Amino acid sequence: MKVEDFAYKVAVRTMELLGELHHYKIPDELRKEVTTRLLQEVDSLLKST
């Protein structure tokens, strides 16, 4: 599995958990924005660890 795929799955699951555990509704547009930004930043996030 590629790192980008893993990062995407983590982001999506995090948003799902927010909905399940805290009844937090995340609009689809915000979901797309968050996953897009995360995928853009994955390389810099890996370098900072």
PDB file of N, CA and C in Angstrom:
ATOM      1  N   MET A   1       0.845  -1.177   0.000  1.00  0.00           N
ATOM      2  CA  MET A   1       0.000   0.000   0.000  1.00  0.00           C
ATOM      3  C   MET A   1       0.891   1.241   0.000  1.00  0.00           C
ATOM      4  N   LYS A   2       0.536   2.194  -0.828  1.00  0.00           N
ATOM      5  CA  LYS A   2       1.291   3.435  -0.907  1.00  0.00           C
ATOM      6  C   LYS A   2       0.993   4.302   0.317  1.00  0.00           C
ATOM      7  N   VAL A   3       1.959   5.103   0.694  1.00  0.00           N
ATOM      8  CA  VAL A   3       1.802   5.988   1.847  1.00  0.00           C
ATOM      9  C   VAL A   3       0.629   6.939   1.634  1.00  0.00           C
ATOM     10  N   GLU A   4       0.459   7.419   0.414  1.00  0.00           N
ATOM     11  CA  GLU A   4      -0.635   8.345   0.123  1.00  0.00           C
ATOM     12  C   GLU A   4      -1.994   7.680   0.348  1.00  0.00           C
ATOM     13  N   ASP A   5      -2.112   6.418  -0.044  1.00  0.00           N
ATOM     14  CA  ASP A   5      -3.353   5.674   0.161  1.00  0.00           C
ATOM     15  C   ASP A   5      -3.638   5.501   1.651  1.00  0.00           C
ATOM     16  N   PHE A   6      -2.592   5.190   2.406  1.00  0.00           N
ATOM     17  CA  PHE A   6      -2.748   5.023   3.847  1.00  0.00           C
ATOM     18  C   PHE A   6      -3.175   6.335   4.497  1.00  0.00           C
ATOM     19  N   ALA A   7      -2.536   7.441   4.114  1.00  0.00           N
ATOM     20  CA  ALA A   7      -2.886   8.744   4.671  1.00  0.00           C
ATOM     21  C   ALA A   7      -4.336   9.100   4.361  1.00  0.00           C
ATOM     22  N   TYR A   8      -4.764   8.809   3.156  1.00  0.00           N
ATOM     23  CA  TYR A   8      -6.149   9.069   2.760  1.00  0.00           C
ATOM     24  C   TYR A   8      -7.115   8.253   3.623  1.00  0.00           C
ATOM     25  N   LYS A   9      -6.813   6.977   3.824  1.00  0.00           N
ATOM     26  CA  LYS A   9      -7.683   6.120   4.627  1.00  0.00           C
ATOM     27  C   LYS A   9      -7.745   6.597   6.077  1.00  0.00           C
ATOM     28  N   VAL A  10      -6.622   7.047   6.608  1.00  0.00           N
ATOM     29  CA  VAL A  10      -6.606   7.564   7.977  1.00  0.00           C
ATOM     30  C   VAL A  10      -7.467   8.819   8.084  1.00  0.00           C
ATOM     31  N   ALA A  11      -7.353   9.710   7.118  1.00  0.00           N
ATOM     32  CA  ALA A  11      -8.153  10.941   7.136  1.00  0.00           C
ATOM     33  C   ALA A  11      -9.642  10.630   7.052  1.00  0.00           C
ATOM     34  N   VAL A  12     -10.016   9.751   6.158  1.00  0.00           N
ATOM     35  CA  VAL A  12     -11.427   9.394   5.992  1.00  0.00           C
ATOM     36  C   VAL A  12     -11.958   8.729   7.254  1.00  0.00           C
ATOM     37  N   ARG A  13     -11.185   7.832   7.820  1.00  0.00           N
ATOM     38  CA  ARG A  13     -11.630   7.135   9.035  1.00  0.00           C
ATOM     39  C   ARG A  13     -11.754   8.093  10.213  1.00  0.00           C
ATOM     40  N   THR A  14     -10.841   9.052  10.307  1.00  0.00           N
ATOM     41  CA  THR A  14     -10.923  10.051  11.367  1.00  0.00           C
ATOM     42  C   THR A  14     -12.218  10.837  11.274  1.00  0.00           C
ATOM     43  N   MET A  15     -12.581  11.238  10.078  1.00  0.00           N
ATOM     44  CA  MET A  15     -13.831  11.982   9.903  1.00  0.00           C
ATOM     45  C   MET A  15     -15.044  11.107  10.205  1.00  0.00           C
ATOM     46  N   GLU A  16     -14.971   9.811   9.857  1.00  0.00           N
ATOM     47  CA  GLU A  16     -16.057   8.890  10.186  1.00  0.00           C
ATOM     48  C   GLU A  16     -16.214   8.761  11.700  1.00  0.00           C
ATOM     49  N   LEU A  17     -15.094   8.641  12.400  1.00  0.00           N
ATOM     50  CA  LEU A  17     -15.144   8.513  13.855  1.00  0.00           C
ATOM     51  C   LEU A  17     -15.701   9.764  14.519  1.00  0.00           C
ATOM     52  N   LEU A  18     -15.358  10.922  13.998  1.00  0.00           N
ATOM     53  CA  LEU A  18     -15.941  12.157  14.533  1.00  0.00           C
ATOM     54  C   LEU A  18     -17.458  12.134  14.421  1.00  0.00           C
ATOM     55  N   GLY A  19     -17.945  11.608  13.319  1.00  0.00           N
ATOM     56  CA  GLY A  19     -19.385  11.499  13.133  1.00  0.00           C
ATOM     57  C   GLY A  19     -20.015  10.473  14.049  1.00  0.00           C
ATOM     58  N   GLU A  20     -19.374   9.321  14.179  1.00  0.00           N
ATOM     59  CA  GLU A  20     -19.918   8.241  14.998  1.00  0.00           C
ATOM     60  C   GLU A  20     -19.861   8.546  16.489  1.00  0.00           C
ATOM     61  N   LEU A  21     -18.729   9.038  16.949  1.00  0.00           N
ATOM     62  CA  LEU A  21     -18.525   9.221  18.382  1.00  0.00           C
ATOM     63  C   LEU A  21     -19.028  10.557  18.911  1.00  0.00           C
ATOM     64  N   HIS A  22     -18.958  11.583  18.089  1.00  0.00           N
ATOM     65  CA  HIS A  22     -19.307  12.926  18.559  1.00  0.00           C
ATOM     66  C   HIS A  22     -20.474  13.527  17.798  1.00  0.00           C
ATOM     67  N   HIS A  23     -21.076  12.727  16.914  1.00  0.00           N
ATOM     68  CA  HIS A  23     -22.215  13.182  16.114  1.00  0.00           C
ATOM     69  C   HIS A  23     -21.893  14.480  15.377  1.00  0.00           C
ATOM     70  N   TYR A  24     -20.646  14.571  14.917  1.00  0.00           N
ATOM     71  CA  TYR A  24     -20.175  15.746  14.207  1.00  0.00           C
ATOM     72  C   TYR A  24     -20.360  15.518  12.718  1.00  0.00           C
ATOM     73  N   LYS A  25     -21.165  16.342  12.080  1.00  0.00           N
ATOM     74  CA  LYS A  25     -21.436  16.229  10.642  1.00  0.00           C
ATOM     75  C   LYS A  25     -20.426  17.072   9.874  1.00  0.00           C
ATOM     76  N   ILE A  26     -19.632  16.415   9.061  1.00  0.00           N
ATOM     77  CA  ILE A  26     -18.637  17.109   8.247  1.00  0.00           C
ATOM     78  C   ILE A  26     -19.174  17.177   6.829  1.00  0.00           C
ATOM     79  N   PRO A  27     -19.388  18.385   6.326  1.00  0.00           N
ATOM     80  CA  PRO A  27     -19.907  18.532   4.956  1.00  0.00           C
ATOM     81  C   PRO A  27     -18.964  17.901   3.924  1.00  0.00           C
ATOM     82  N   ASP A  28     -19.536  17.409   2.843  1.00  0.00           N
ATOM     83  CA  ASP A  28     -18.744  16.749   1.803  1.00  0.00           C
ATOM     84  C   ASP A  28     -17.640  17.643   1.250  1.00  0.00           C
ATOM     85  N   GLU A  29     -17.924  18.916   1.077  1.00  0.00           N
ATOM     86  CA  GLU A  29     -16.913  19.836   0.545  1.00  0.00           C
ATOM     87  C   GLU A  29     -15.706  19.921   1.486  1.00  0.00           C
ATOM     88  N   LEU A  30     -15.970  19.962   2.787  1.00  0.00           N
ATOM     89  CA  LEU A  30     -14.883  20.008   3.765  1.00  0.00           C
ATOM     90  C   LEU A  30     -14.110  18.693   3.776  1.00  0.00           C
ATOM     91  N   ARG A  31     -14.800  17.562   3.633  1.00  0.00           N
ATOM     92  CA  ARG A  31     -14.127  16.262   3.554  1.00  0.00           C
ATOM     93  C   ARG A  31     -13.150  16.240   2.384  1.00  0.00           C
ATOM     94  N   LYS A  32     -13.600  16.738   1.240  1.00  0.00           N
ATOM     95  CA  LYS A  32     -12.740  16.768   0.052  1.00  0.00           C
ATOM     96  C   LYS A  32     -11.534  17.676   0.275  1.00  0.00           C
ATOM     97  N   GLU A  33     -11.772  18.826   0.891  1.00  0.00           N
ATOM     98  CA  GLU A  33     -10.692  19.777   1.141  1.00  0.00           C
ATOM     99  C   GLU A  33      -9.650  19.185   2.094  1.00  0.00           C
ATOM    100  N   VAL A  34     -10.106  18.540   3.155  1.00  0.00           N
ATOM    101  CA  VAL A  34      -9.191  17.953   4.135  1.00  0.00           C
ATOM    102  C   VAL A  34      -8.359  16.845   3.503  1.00  0.00           C
ATOM    103  N   THR A  35      -8.993  15.947   2.775  1.00  0.00           N
ATOM    104  CA  THR A  35      -8.238  14.845   2.171  1.00  0.00           C
ATOM    105  C   THR A  35      -7.275  15.343   1.098  1.00  0.00           C
ATOM    106  N   THR A  36      -7.676  16.345   0.343  1.00  0.00           N
ATOM    107  CA  THR A  36      -6.788  16.912  -0.677  1.00  0.00           C
ATOM    108  C   THR A  36      -5.564  17.546  -0.038  1.00  0.00           C
ATOM    109  N   ARG A  37      -5.786  18.340   0.998  1.00  0.00           N
ATOM    110  CA  ARG A  37      -4.655  18.995   1.675  1.00  0.00           C
ATOM    111  C   ARG A  37      -3.731  17.977   2.326  1.00  0.00           C
ATOM    112  N   LEU A  38      -4.316  16.952   2.927  1.00  0.00           N
ATOM    113  CA  LEU A  38      -3.491  15.923   3.557  1.00  0.00           C
ATOM    114  C   LEU A  38      -2.611  15.230   2.528  1.00  0.00           C
ATOM    115  N   LEU A  39      -3.177  14.893   1.388  1.00  0.00           N
ATOM    116  CA  LEU A  39      -2.384  14.243   0.349  1.00  0.00           C
ATOM    117  C   LEU A  39      -1.282  15.157  -0.165  1.00  0.00           C
ATOM    118  N   GLN A  40      -1.529  16.458  -0.211  1.00  0.00           N
ATOM    119  CA  GLN A  40      -0.510  17.407  -0.642  1.00  0.00           C
ATOM    120  C   GLN A  40       0.619  17.524   0.385  1.00  0.00           C
ATOM    121  N   GLU A  41       0.291  17.335   1.654  1.00  0.00           N
ATOM    122  CA  GLU A  41       1.261  17.531   2.731  1.00  0.00           C
ATOM    123  C   GLU A  41       1.925  16.253   3.216  1.00  0.00           C
ATOM    124  N   VAL A  42       1.556  15.105   2.666  1.00  0.00           N
ATOM    125  CA  VAL A  42       2.047  13.837   3.203  1.00  0.00           C
ATOM    126  C   VAL A  42       3.567  13.752   3.174  1.00  0.00           C
ATOM    127  N   ASP A  43       4.203  14.225   2.149  1.00  0.00           N
ATOM    128  CA  ASP A  43       5.664  14.165   2.072  1.00  0.00           C
ATOM    129  C   ASP A  43       6.307  15.004   3.171  1.00  0.00           C
ATOM    130  N   SER A  44       5.824  16.221   3.371  1.00  0.00           N
ATOM    131  CA  SER A  44       6.407  17.073   4.401  1.00  0.00           C
ATOM    132  C   SER A  44       6.116  16.532   5.805  1.00  0.00           C
ATOM    133  N   LEU A  45       4.971  15.896   5.973  1.00  0.00           N
ATOM    134  CA  LEU A  45       4.652  15.279   7.268  1.00  0.00           C
ATOM    135  C   LEU A  45       5.609  14.134   7.572  1.00  0.00           C
ATOM    136  N   LEU A  46       5.930  13.343   6.556  1.00  0.00           N
ATOM    137  CA  LEU A  46       6.860  12.239   6.744  1.00  0.00           C
ATOM    138  C   LEU A  46       8.274  12.733   7.041  1.00  0.00           C
ATOM    139  N   LYS A  47       8.671  13.807   6.401  1.00  0.00           N
ATOM    140  CA  LYS A  47      10.013  14.344   6.618  1.00  0.00           C
ATOM    141  C   LYS A  47      10.166  14.946   8.015  1.00  0.00           C
ATOM    142  N   SER A  48       9.058  15.421   8.585  1.00  0.00           N
ATOM    143  CA  SER A  48       9.130  16.070   9.894  1.00  0.00           C
ATOM    144  C   SER A  48       9.141  15.076  11.047  1.00  0.00           C
ATOM    145  N   THR A  49       8.987  13.780  10.753  1.00  0.00           N
ATOM    146  CA  THR A  49       8.996  12.784  11.830  1.00  0.00           C
ATOM    147  C   THR A  49      10.318  12.087  11.939  1.00  0.00           C
TER     148      THR A  49
END
